[in-house]
PDB file of N, CA and C in Angstrom:
ATOM      1  N   UNK A   1       0.797  -0.956  -0.644  1.00  0.00           N
ATOM      2  CA  UNK A   1      -0.030   0.056  -0.301  1.00  0.00           C
ATOM      3  C   UNK A   1       0.844   1.055   0.673  1.00  0.00           C
ATOM      4  N   UNK A   2       1.777   1.587   1.229  1.00  0.00           N
ATOM      5  CA  UNK A   2       2.688   2.773   1.095  1.00  0.00           C
ATOM      6  C   UNK A   2       3.515   3.091  -0.352  1.00  0.00           C
ATOM      7  N   UNK A   3       3.919   1.659  -0.782  1.00  0.00           N
ATOM      8  CA  UNK A   3       4.305   2.088  -2.342  1.00  0.00           C
ATOM      9  C   UNK A   3       3.805   2.441  -3.302  1.00  0.00           C
ATOM     10  N   UNK A   4       2.718   2.173  -3.128  1.00  0.00           N
ATOM     11  CA  UNK A   4       2.091   2.703  -4.646  1.00  0.00           C
ATOM     12  C   UNK A   4       1.293   4.685  -3.949  1.00  0.00           C
ATOM     13  N   UNK A   5       1.593   4.988  -3.143  1.00  0.00           N
ATOM     14  CA  UNK A   5       1.766   6.211  -2.393  1.00  0.00           C
ATOM     15  C   UNK A   5       3.247   7.059  -2.054  1.00  0.00           C
ATOM     16  N   UNK A   6       4.591   5.989  -3.071  1.00  0.00           N
ATOM     17  CA  UNK A   6       5.642   6.711  -2.971  1.00  0.00           C
ATOM     18  C   UNK A   6       6.441   6.678  -1.531  1.00  0.00           C
ATOM     19  N   UNK A   7       5.503   6.173  -1.075  1.00  0.00           N
ATOM     20  CA  UNK A   7       6.586   5.927   0.589  1.00  0.00           C
ATOM     21  C   UNK A   7       7.168   4.302   0.750  1.00  0.00           C
ATOM     22  N   UNK A   8       8.157   4.231   1.670  1.00  0.00           N
ATOM     23  CA  UNK A   8       8.723   3.206   1.740  1.00  0.00           C
ATOM     24  C   UNK A   8       8.001   2.247   3.238  1.00  0.00           C
ATOM     25  N   UNK A   9       7.767   1.162   2.847  1.00  0.00           N
ATOM     26  CA  UNK A   9       7.747   0.477   3.826  1.00  0.00           C
ATOM     27  C   UNK A   9       8.240   1.043   5.248  1.00  0.00           C
ATOM     28  N   UNK A  10       9.236   0.852   5.522  1.00  0.00           N
ATOM     29  CA  UNK A  10      10.303   1.224   6.673  1.00  0.00           C
ATOM     30  C   UNK A  10       9.781   2.822   6.788  1.00  0.00           C
ATOM     31  N   UNK A  11       9.607   3.702   6.112  1.00  0.00           N
ATOM     32  CA  UNK A  11       9.110   5.083   6.424  1.00  0.00           C
ATOM     33  C   UNK A  11       7.863   4.844   7.435  1.00  0.00           C
ATOM     34  N   UNK A  12       6.911   4.575   6.366  1.00  0.00           N
ATOM     35  CA  UNK A  12       6.177   3.915   7.077  1.00  0.00           C
ATOM     36  C   UNK A  12       5.603   3.321   8.242  1.00  0.00           C
ATOM     37  N   UNK A  13       6.941   2.312   8.674  1.00  0.00           N
ATOM     38  CA  UNK A  13       6.615   1.976  10.143  1.00  0.00           C
ATOM     39  C   UNK A  13       7.231   2.891  11.321  1.00  0.00           C
ATOM     40  N   UNK A  14       8.053   3.613  10.958  1.00  0.00           N
ATOM     41  CA  UNK A  14       9.121   5.149  11.782  1.00  0.00           C
ATOM     42  C   UNK A  14       7.359   5.842  12.434  1.00  0.00           C
ATOM     43  N   UNK A  15       6.622   6.260  10.770  1.00  0.00           N
ATOM     44  CA  UNK A  15       6.006   7.170  11.691  1.00  0.00           C
ATOM     45  C   UNK A  15       4.725   6.564  11.583  1.00  0.00           C
ATOM     46  N   UNK A  16       4.203   5.578  12.119  1.00  0.00           N
ATOM     47  CA  UNK A  16       3.432   4.417  12.517  1.00  0.00           C
ATOM     48  C   UNK A  16       3.765   4.694  14.250  1.00  0.00           C
ATOM     49  N   UNK A  17       5.322   4.413  14.527  1.00  0.00           N
ATOM     50  CA  UNK A  17       6.119   4.239  15.506  1.00  0.00           C
ATOM     51  C   UNK A  17       5.651   5.582  16.497  1.00  0.00           C
ATOM     52  N   UNK A  18       6.350   6.126  15.677  1.00  0.00           N
ATOM     53  CA  UNK A  18       6.516   7.910  16.256  1.00  0.00           C
ATOM     54  C   UNK A  18       4.824   8.657  16.814  1.00  0.00           C
ATOM     55  N   UNK A  19       4.183   8.175  16.061  1.00  0.00           N
ATOM     56  CA  UNK A  19       2.660   7.978  16.465  1.00  0.00           C
ATOM     57  C   UNK A  19       1.829   7.375  17.361  1.00  0.00           C
ATOM     58  N   UNK A  20       2.044   6.465  17.457  1.00  0.00           N
ATOM     59  CA  UNK A  20       2.896   5.610  19.381  1.00  0.00           C
ATOM     60  C   UNK A  20       2.676   6.138  20.172  1.00  0.00           C
ATOM     61  N   UNK A  21       3.957   6.849  19.958  1.00  0.00           N
ATOM     62  CA  UNK A  21       5.273   7.192  21.067  1.00  0.00           C
ATOM     63  C   UNK A  21       4.409   8.170  21.414  1.00  0.00           C
ATOM     64  N   UNK A  22       3.802   9.020  20.393  1.00  0.00           N
ATOM     65  CA  UNK A  22       3.200  10.818  20.911  1.00  0.00           C
ATOM     66  C   UNK A  22       3.887  11.908  20.030  1.00  0.00           C
ATOM     67  N   UNK A  23       5.011  11.259  19.500  1.00  0.00           N
ATOM     68  CA  UNK A  23       5.973  12.141  19.002  1.00  0.00           C
ATOM     69  C   UNK A  23       5.367  12.644  17.026  1.00  0.00           C
ATOM     70  N   UNK A  24       4.654  12.562  16.681  1.00  0.00           N
ATOM     71  CA  UNK A  24       4.345  12.744  15.470  1.00  0.00           C
ATOM     72  C   UNK A  24       3.551  14.059  15.251  1.00  0.00           C
ATOM     73  N   UNK A  25       4.010  14.916  14.885  1.00  0.00           N
ATOM     74  CA  UNK A  25       3.705  16.246  14.856  1.00  0.00           C
ATOM     75  C   UNK A  25       4.350  17.558  16.070  1.00  0.00           C
ATOM     76  N   UNK A  26       4.828  16.809  17.245  1.00  0.00           N
ATOM     77  CA  UNK A  26       5.196  17.887  17.738  1.00  0.00           C
ATOM     78  C   UNK A  26       4.700  18.122  19.222  1.00  0.00           C
ATOM     79  N   UNK A  27       2.975  17.338  19.244  1.00  0.00           N
ATOM     80  CA  UNK A  27       1.961  17.369  20.152  1.00  0.00           C
ATOM     81  C   UNK A  27       1.426  15.794  19.913  1.00  0.00           C
ATOM     82  N   UNK A  28       1.080  15.273  20.959  1.00  0.00           N
ATOM     83  CA  UNK A  28       0.164  14.170  21.489  1.00  0.00           C
ATOM     84  C   UNK A  28      -1.248  14.685  20.807  1.00  0.00           C
ATOM     85  N   UNK A  29      -2.000  14.260  20.273  1.00  0.00           N
ATOM     86  CA  UNK A  29      -3.370  14.453  19.823  1.00  0.00           C
ATOM     87  C   UNK A  29      -4.342  12.946  20.444  1.00  0.00           C
ATOM     88  N   UNK A  30      -5.313  13.297  21.075  1.00  0.00           N
ATOM     89  CA  UNK A  30      -6.066  12.217  21.621  1.00  0.00           C
ATOM     90  C   UNK A  30      -7.194  11.906  20.768  1.00  0.00           C
ATOM     91  N   UNK A  31      -7.759  11.092  20.538  1.00  0.00           N
ATOM     92  CA  UNK A  31      -8.787  10.932  20.264  1.00  0.00           C
ATOM     93  C   UNK A  31      -8.431  10.930  18.288  1.00  0.00           C
ATOM     94  N   UNK A  32      -9.957  11.488  17.573  1.00  0.00           N
ATOM     95  CA  UNK A  32     -10.608  11.311  16.674  1.00  0.00           C
ATOM     96  C   UNK A  32     -10.781  12.692  16.344  1.00  0.00           C
ATOM     97  N   UNK A  33     -10.381  13.415  14.993  1.00  0.00           N
ATOM     98  CA  UNK A  33     -11.130  14.595  14.541  1.00  0.00           C
ATOM     99  C   UNK A  33     -12.145  14.461  14.238  1.00  0.00           C
ATOM    100  N   UNK A  34     -13.378  14.686  14.654  1.00  0.00           N
ATOM    101  CA  UNK A  34     -15.199  14.635  13.613  1.00  0.00           C
ATOM    102  C   UNK A  34     -14.562  14.778  12.148  1.00  0.00           C
ATOM    103  N   UNK A  35     -15.391  14.067  11.276  1.00  0.00           N
ATOM    104  CA  UNK A  35     -15.140  14.606  10.087  1.00  0.00           C
ATOM    105  C   UNK A  35     -16.799  14.509   9.627  1.00  0.00           C
ATOM    106  N   UNK A  36     -16.981  15.623   8.920  1.00  0.00           N
ATOM    107  CA  UNK A  36     -18.437  15.190   8.218  1.00  0.00           C
ATOM    108  C   UNK A  36     -18.190  14.652   6.623  1.00  0.00           C
ATOM    109  N   UNK A  37     -18.916  13.398   5.905  1.00  0.00           N
ATOM    110  CA  UNK A  37     -18.413  13.819   4.319  1.00  0.00           C
ATOM    111  C   UNK A  37     -19.583  14.013   3.232  1.00  0.00           C
ATOM    112  N   UNK A  38     -19.872  14.721   2.817  1.00  0.00           N
ATOM    113  CA  UNK A  38     -20.933  15.078   1.670  1.00  0.00           C
ATOM    114  C   UNK A  38     -20.694  15.323   0.722  1.00  0.00           C
ATOM    115  N   UNK A  39     -21.713  14.807  -0.383  1.00  0.00           N
ATOM    116  CA  UNK A  39     -21.816  14.923  -1.923  1.00  0.00           C
ATOM    117  C   UNK A  39     -21.253  15.976  -2.586  1.00  0.00           C
ATOM    118  N   UNK A  40     -20.313  15.639  -3.516  1.00  0.00           N
ATOM    119  CA  UNK A  40     -19.741  16.986  -4.698  1.00  0.00           C
ATOM    120  C   UNK A  40     -20.908  17.623  -4.956  1.00  0.00           C
ATOM    121  N   UNK A  41     -20.638  19.290  -4.534  1.00  0.00           N
ATOM    122  CA  UNK A  41     -21.928  20.005  -5.116  1.00  0.00           C
ATOM    123  C   UNK A  41     -21.616  20.193  -6.793  1.00  0.00           C
ATOM    124  N   UNK A  42     -22.609  20.308  -7.399  1.00  0.00           N
ATOM    125  CA  UNK A  42     -22.793  20.277  -9.256  1.00  0.00           C
ATOM    126  C   UNK A  42     -22.469  21.736  -8.975  1.00  0.00           C
ATOM    127  N   UNK A  43     -21.907  21.790 -10.267  1.00  0.00           N
ATOM    128  CA  UNK A  43     -20.934  22.871 -10.971  1.00  0.00           C
ATOM    129  C   UNK A  43     -21.226  24.112 -10.790  1.00  0.00           C
ATOM    130  N   UNK A  44     -22.560  24.069 -11.554  1.00  0.00           N
ATOM    131  CA  UNK A  44     -23.454  25.596 -11.255  1.00  0.00           C
ATOM    132  C   UNK A  44     -23.877  25.490  -9.828  1.00  0.00           C
ATOM    133  N   UNK A  45     -24.100  25.200  -8.967  1.00  0.00           N
ATOM    134  CA  UNK A  45     -23.643  25.996  -7.493  1.00  0.00           C
ATOM    135  C   UNK A  45     -22.797  25.974  -6.948  1.00  0.00           C
ATOM    136  N   UNK A  46     -21.624  25.401  -7.415  1.00  0.00           N
ATOM    137  CA  UNK A  46     -20.189  25.131  -6.742  1.00  0.00           C
ATOM    138  C   UNK A  46     -19.761  26.971  -7.201  1.00  0.00           C
ATOM    139  N   UNK A  47     -19.870  27.327  -8.860  1.00  0.00           N
ATOM    140  CA  UNK A  47     -19.228  28.125  -9.762  1.00  0.00           C
ATOM    141  C   UNK A  47     -19.818  29.869  -8.896  1.00  0.00           C
ATOM    142  N   UNK A  48     -19.573  30.571  -8.692  1.00  0.00           N
ATOM    143  CA  UNK A  48     -20.440  31.896  -7.981  1.00  0.00           C
ATOM    144  C   UNK A  48     -20.840  32.377  -9.300  1.00  0.00           C
ATOM    145  N   UNK A  49     -21.808  33.335  -8.806  1.00  0.00           N
ATOM    146  CA  UNK A  49     -22.429  34.362  -9.894  1.00  0.00           C
ATOM    147  C   UNK A  49     -21.668  35.172 -10.139  1.00  0.00           C
ATOM    148  N   UNK A  50     -21.211  35.821 -11.629  1.00  0.00           N
ATOM    149  CA  UNK A  50     -20.692  36.820 -12.265  1.00  0.00           C
ATOM    150  C   UNK A  50     -21.711  37.247 -12.504  1.00  0.00           C
ATOM    151  N   UNK A  51     -21.667  39.032 -12.590  1.00  0.00           N
ATOM    152  CA  UNK A  51     -22.153  39.855 -13.585  1.00  0.00           C
ATOM    153  C   UNK A  51     -22.050  40.305 -14.833  1.00  0.00           C
ATOM    154  N   UNK A  52     -22.685  40.094 -16.002  1.00  0.00           N
ATOM    155  CA  UNK A  52     -22.110  40.374 -16.910  1.00  0.00           C
ATOM    156  C   UNK A  52     -21.551  41.880 -16.998  1.00  0.00           C
ATOM    157  N   UNK A  53     -20.113  42.236 -17.471  1.00  0.00           N
ATOM    158  CA  UNK A  53     -19.433  43.487 -17.398  1.00  0.00           C
ATOM    159  C   UNK A  53     -20.056  44.144 -18.162  1.00  0.00           C
TER     160      UNK A  53
END
């Protein structure tokens, strides 16, 4: 899996080790950050309205 993203197995192992020790990113993070997955908006909604010049 890691090689598909250009990451060596050793690097992935080290990151996991640092994460478990609380040393990844300089501070320890407890738990998970809540996330909401929403469907992609149609282009006509995402594109801001521009008044003709």
